[in-house]
């Protein structure tokens, strides 16, 4: 573990935030005001995350006394110590290869994959003025919102902070609320077709097994 403090690196805050926000933008491609609100909230989460990761470790400073008392063998001002779960559960090797970090990577990759796969289906459906029913939409009704949540949860496992822990449930609630508004609009446009689709397809958590067949949602 590198014992040299590695904070105050604001250029890295800007660079890493920009990379992940642009990367997410290339997958999500926001268009409507609702899309931009959800993307903006995600971007705020990313900036808050990297601010503590490379800028100012607020969480570690606030809990430094408790951390030093309960985990005396850890240099909490070393950069790797920001991987709090790895440190607190006693992972002695490089935290980047620890179980929480690897699980974090899996969630983040899954989230970006879901954003990308959902966008391709949604874009094709919008061009033909049809309801998106295939790909991720065959399993859940709001795969893009689910993708954002998976990415944020992955980052929480990797580098938990007070700010992001507070933001996470607020953003999940916001996405759920945006999803409801979206469903009202889509139901008004597609009527019975969407009601049938909604009846057999979960909102955010796919059913185990083969799942539903959204093609059955079209009553015509």
Protein backbone atom coordinates (compact mmCIF):
# COMPACT_ATOMS: atom_id res chain seq x y z
CA UNK A 1 0.00 0.00 0.00
CA UNK A 2 1.31 3.43 -0.88
CA UNK A 3 1.67 5.40 2.35
CA UNK A 4 2.01 8.75 0.57
CA UNK A 5 -1.19 10.84 0.72
CA UNK A 6 -2.68 11.20 -2.75
CA UNK A 7 -5.34 13.89 -2.41
CA UNK A 8 -5.62 17.42 -3.66
CA UNK A 9 -5.25 16.11 -7.21
CA UNK A 10 -8.00 18.25 -8.70
CA UNK A 11 -6.84 17.64 -12.25
CA UNK A 12 -7.58 13.95 -11.72
CA UNK A 13 -11.02 14.86 -10.33
CA UNK A 14 -11.79 16.75 -13.53
CA UNK A 15 -10.28 14.19 -15.89
CA UNK A 16 -11.90 11.13 -14.31
CA UNK A 17 -15.28 12.84 -13.92
CA UNK A 18 -15.16 13.93 -17.57
CA UNK A 19 -14.19 10.46 -18.78
CA UNK A 20 -17.03 8.68 -16.98
CA UNK A 21 -19.62 11.35 -17.76
CA UNK A 22 -18.72 11.39 -21.46
CA UNK A 23 -18.62 7.58 -21.47
CA UNK A 24 -22.07 7.42 -19.91
CA UNK A 25 -23.33 10.07 -22.33
CA UNK A 26 -22.17 7.97 -25.28
CA UNK A 27 -24.20 5.05 -23.92
CA UNK A 28 -27.32 6.86 -22.69
CA UNK A 29 -27.58 9.63 -25.34
CA UNK A 30 -30.09 11.85 -23.44
CA UNK A 31 -32.61 13.66 -25.64
CA UNK A 32 -35.69 14.72 -23.67
CA UNK A 33 -35.73 16.98 -20.61
CA UNK A 34 -36.38 13.89 -18.49
CA UNK A 35 -33.34 12.18 -20.00
CA UNK A 36 -31.18 15.19 -19.19
CA UNK A 37 -32.47 15.32 -15.59
CA UNK A 38 -31.59 11.69 -14.99
CA UNK A 39 -28.21 12.09 -16.69
CA UNK A 40 -27.50 15.30 -14.75
CA UNK A 41 -28.20 13.57 -11.44
CA UNK A 42 -25.90 10.71 -12.40
CA UNK A 43 -23.19 13.22 -13.39
CA UNK A 44 -23.48 14.94 -9.98
CA UNK A 45 -22.96 11.57 -8.29
CA UNK A 46 -19.83 10.94 -10.38
CA UNK A 47 -18.35 14.37 -9.59
CA UNK A 48 -19.02 13.89 -5.85
CA UNK A 49 -17.37 10.48 -6.00
CA UNK A 50 -14.15 11.60 -7.68
CA UNK A 51 -13.96 14.72 -5.56
CA UNK A 52 -13.46 12.50 -2.51
CA UNK A 53 -11.41 9.92 -4.39
CA UNK A 54 -8.76 12.39 -5.57
CA UNK A 55 -9.63 15.83 -4.18
CA UNK A 56 -10.62 16.05 -0.54
CA UNK A 57 -11.36 12.84 1.46
CA UNK A 58 -14.21 14.31 3.53
CA UNK A 59 -15.50 10.93 4.74
CA UNK A 60 -12.10 9.79 6.01
CA UNK A 61 -11.50 13.13 7.75
CA UNK A 62 -14.86 13.05 9.50
CA UNK A 63 -14.44 9.45 10.65
CA UNK A 64 -10.67 9.53 11.14
CA UNK A 65 -10.88 9.13 14.93
CA UNK A 66 -13.24 6.17 14.77
CA UNK A 67 -11.31 4.55 11.93
CA UNK A 68 -7.94 4.93 13.67
CA UNK A 69 -9.34 3.48 16.91
CA UNK A 70 -11.05 0.49 15.35
CA UNK A 71 -8.53 -0.22 12.59
CA UNK A 72 -5.15 0.83 14.06
CA UNK A 73 -3.05 -1.00 11.48
CA UNK A 74 -4.24 1.10 8.55
CA UNK A 75 -2.75 4.38 7.34
CA UNK A 76 -6.04 6.13 6.56
CA UNK A 77 -4.34 8.97 4.71
CA UNK A 78 -2.91 6.62 2.08
CA UNK A 79 -4.94 6.75 -1.12
CA UNK A 80 -5.71 3.01 -1.24
CA UNK A 81 -7.34 3.31 2.19
CA UNK A 82 -10.24 5.10 0.53
CA UNK A 83 -11.41 1.62 -0.45
CA UNK A 84 -13.12 1.55 2.93
CA UNK A 85 -14.86 -1.81 2.65
CA UNK A 86 -11.66 -3.59 1.63
CA UNK A 87 -9.79 -1.99 4.54
CA UNK A 88 -12.49 -2.55 7.14
CA UNK A 89 -12.94 -6.21 6.22
CA UNK A 90 -9.22 -6.82 6.46
CA UNK A 91 -8.17 -7.22 2.82
CA UNK A 92 -4.39 -6.94 3.19
CA UNK A 93 -3.33 -7.08 -0.47
CA UNK A 94 -3.88 -4.50 -3.19
CA UNK A 95 -7.50 -3.37 -2.73
CA UNK A 96 -7.96 -3.19 -6.51
CA UNK A 97 -7.94 -6.99 -6.49
CA UNK A 98 -10.15 -7.33 -3.42
CA UNK A 99 -13.62 -8.90 -3.50
CA UNK A 100 -15.52 -5.62 -3.10
CA UNK A 101 -13.58 -3.92 -5.88
CA UNK A 102 -14.06 -6.86 -8.25
CA UNK A 103 -17.77 -6.99 -7.46
CA UNK A 104 -17.88 -3.23 -8.00
CA UNK A 105 -16.32 -3.64 -11.45
CA UNK A 106 -18.92 -6.27 -12.36
CA UNK A 107 -21.80 -3.94 -11.40
CA UNK A 108 -20.29 -1.00 -13.29
CA UNK A 109 -19.71 -3.04 -16.46
CA UNK A 110 -23.22 -4.49 -16.23
CA UNK A 111 -24.66 -1.00 -15.86
CA UNK A 112 -22.87 0.38 -18.90
CA UNK A 113 -23.82 -2.70 -20.93
CA UNK A 114 -27.46 -2.22 -19.93
CA UNK A 115 -27.38 1.46 -20.93
CA UNK A 116 -25.91 0.60 -24.31
CA UNK A 117 -28.20 -2.33 -25.06
CA UNK A 118 -31.29 -0.39 -23.99
CA UNK A 119 -30.40 2.65 -26.10
CA UNK A 120 -30.07 0.59 -29.30
CA UNK A 121 -33.54 -0.87 -28.84
CA UNK A 122 -35.12 2.42 -27.78
CA UNK A 123 -33.56 4.36 -30.66
CA UNK A 124 -34.82 1.84 -33.23
CA UNK A 125 -38.31 1.89 -31.68
CA UNK A 126 -38.47 5.69 -31.62
CA UNK A 127 -37.50 5.92 -35.29
CA UNK A 128 -40.48 3.76 -36.24
CA UNK A 129 -42.80 5.21 -33.57
CA UNK A 130 -43.20 1.83 -31.89
CA UNK A 131 -42.99 0.57 -28.33
CA UNK A 132 -39.58 -0.79 -27.27
CA UNK A 133 -40.20 -4.45 -26.47
CA UNK A 134 -37.02 -6.36 -27.29
CA UNK A 135 -33.56 -6.67 -25.74
CA UNK A 136 -33.44 -5.44 -22.13
CA UNK A 137 -37.00 -4.11 -22.53
CA UNK A 138 -38.16 -7.71 -22.79
CA UNK A 139 -37.07 -8.21 -19.18
CA UNK A 140 -37.66 -4.84 -17.49
CA UNK A 141 -39.51 -1.66 -18.42
CA UNK A 142 -36.80 0.83 -17.42
CA UNK A 143 -33.39 -0.65 -18.27
CA UNK A 144 -31.65 2.73 -18.67
CA UNK A 145 -32.60 3.87 -15.17
CA UNK A 146 -31.59 0.44 -13.86
CA UNK A 147 -28.25 0.84 -15.64
CA UNK A 148 -27.53 4.13 -13.89
CA UNK A 149 -28.40 2.58 -10.53
CA UNK A 150 -26.12 -0.42 -11.15
CA UNK A 151 -23.20 1.88 -11.99
CA UNK A 152 -23.73 4.04 -8.90
CA UNK A 153 -24.08 1.00 -6.65
CA UNK A 154 -20.87 -0.40 -8.11
CA UNK A 155 -19.01 2.80 -7.27
CA UNK A 156 -20.43 2.72 -3.73
CA UNK A 157 -18.93 -0.73 -3.22
CA UNK A 158 -15.60 0.49 -4.54
CA UNK A 159 -15.31 3.86 -2.80
CA UNK A 160 -18.14 4.63 -0.32
CA UNK A 161 -18.43 8.22 0.89
CA UNK A 162 -20.92 10.12 3.04
CA UNK A 163 -22.04 12.30 0.15
CA UNK A 164 -22.60 9.47 -2.33
CA UNK A 165 -24.28 7.31 0.32
CA UNK A 166 -26.74 10.15 0.93
CA UNK A 167 -27.18 10.82 -2.78
CA UNK A 168 -27.77 7.20 -3.77
CA UNK A 169 -31.25 6.62 -2.23
CA UNK A 170 -32.31 10.12 -3.29
CA UNK A 171 -31.34 9.40 -6.88
CA UNK A 172 -32.99 5.98 -6.84
CA UNK A 173 -36.20 7.66 -5.63
CA UNK A 174 -35.83 10.30 -8.36
CA UNK A 175 -35.40 7.63 -11.05
CA UNK A 176 -38.46 5.78 -9.78
CA UNK A 177 -40.46 9.00 -9.93
CA UNK A 178 -39.20 9.82 -13.43
CA UNK A 179 -40.12 6.30 -14.51
CA UNK A 180 -43.70 6.82 -13.29
CA UNK A 181 -44.07 10.06 -15.23
CA UNK A 182 -42.61 8.37 -18.28
CA UNK A 183 -45.06 5.51 -18.03
CA UNK A 184 -48.03 7.89 -17.94
CA UNK A 185 -46.85 9.51 -21.16
CA UNK A 186 -46.12 6.22 -22.91
CA UNK A 187 -49.48 4.78 -21.79
CA UNK A 188 -51.23 7.83 -23.24
CA UNK A 189 -49.46 7.25 -26.56
CA UNK A 190 -49.69 3.46 -26.88
CA UNK A 191 -52.81 2.74 -24.82
CA UNK A 192 -53.78 -0.90 -24.46
CA UNK A 193 -50.51 -2.12 -26.00
CA UNK A 194 -48.49 -0.54 -23.22
CA UNK A 195 -50.92 -1.62 -20.50
CA UNK A 196 -50.53 -5.24 -21.62
CA UNK A 197 -46.74 -4.85 -21.71
CA UNK A 198 -46.71 -3.27 -18.24
CA UNK A 199 -48.86 -6.09 -16.86
CA UNK A 200 -46.34 -8.79 -17.82
CA UNK A 201 -43.00 -6.95 -17.55
CA UNK A 202 -41.44 -5.84 -14.21
CA UNK A 203 -40.28 -2.25 -13.84
CA UNK A 204 -36.71 -2.69 -12.59
CA UNK A 205 -36.05 -6.26 -11.39
CA UNK A 206 -36.32 -9.04 -14.01
CA UNK A 207 -38.14 -12.22 -13.14
CA UNK A 208 -36.12 -15.38 -12.77
CA UNK A 209 -36.38 -17.92 -15.53
CA UNK A 210 -37.37 -17.15 -19.09
CA UNK A 211 -39.34 -14.05 -18.14
CA UNK A 212 -42.26 -12.61 -20.02
CA UNK A 213 -42.81 -12.44 -23.76
CA UNK A 214 -43.49 -8.77 -24.52
CA UNK A 215 -44.60 -9.62 -28.04
CA UNK A 216 -47.76 -10.87 -26.36
CA UNK A 217 -48.34 -7.31 -25.18
CA UNK A 218 -49.59 -6.24 -28.60
CA UNK A 219 -53.30 -6.99 -28.71
CA UNK A 220 -53.49 -6.47 -32.48
